[in-house]
Amino acid sequence: MELGLVGLGKMGGNMRERIRRAGHTVIGYDRNPDVSDVHSLEELVGKLKGPRVIWVMVPAGAATQATIDELAALLSPGDIVVDGGNSRWTDDEKHAVELGIKGIGFVDCGVSGGVWGLENGYALMYGGDADHVARVQPVFDALKPEGDFGSVHAGKVGAGHFAKMVHNGIEYAMMQAYAEGWELLEKVDSVTDVREVFRSWQEGTVIRSWLLDLAVNALDDDEHLDKLRGFAADSGEGRWTVEAAIDNAVPLPAITASLFARFASRQDDSPQMKMIAALRNQFGGHAVENKK
């Protein structure tokens, strides 16, 4: 099938390549002309045969809204827009209504996989009408990991990003637990090789995971994380998870504490946050701040 892809950054660029490897045609647009296949959204839309599918992979909020507004003026009834960024689920509901008035379909898709997705595939959580999802299914199949799992039609519009939001909230808590354990091991005199303790957990333990593997990778690069500042940003989804928990009276003590720990990292050079920063860099290519 043909796909228009808007946003060719760390995720979008690799997604374009993976979809092409599956035999589909992808025309990509990015504000950076060095990576873009066309010079404008208008040219992108013009090169696709109707009915079109346009996948938007730009930062959540104003950038996504502006892109959808521009596409709404360019697309035709029967076309579909997919938002694969990290948008808030309430924005999805708004965008579906705005586009639906013009006869344009909308699917939201939470995407997980970071810089490893090109080779390993991307976990996908999508929401929308079954007919719209079916139109995009060949792209979902191209992006997902091999095997029976890794993608899900989570429900109606907004369900995909809500599921991805909760996924990221869980991720916050898991990283925080590894970070706290690492700091405690580093603190005591009796444990003389913390890196190898972490490595030993990679087999035969109930806490083995891909995040643990990435922690070992980070410690192999910088055994005591001396090169990093204990500063970790948050993407916004952790905050939205906690807000949704409050709205629905669901207790999330571990996820909430991990979010607040990131806030604390911006006040002091926290040893725990060195590990969080290292893990985010390992799995998602997120920037780290080095000591000066």
Foldseek 3Di string as FASTA:
>chain_A
DEEEEEDCPLPNVLLCVLLVVVPYHYQYDYPPVVRHNDNDPLVSLVVDDPPYEYEYADEEDPVVVVVLVVVLVRHAAPHEYEYAYLYQQVVQVVSQVVSVVRNYHYKYKHWFFANNQSPAAIQIEMAADPVRCVVCVSSNVSRAGPDDHRYDHQYHRSRRSLVNLVVVLVVLLLLLVVLVVLVVLVPDPVRDQSLVVLVVCCPDHPSHDVLSVLLSVLCVVPVQLQFFFLADDDSCSLVVVVVVCVVVVNDDVSSVVSVVVNVVSVVHRDSSSSSVQSSCCRRHVDDTDTDD
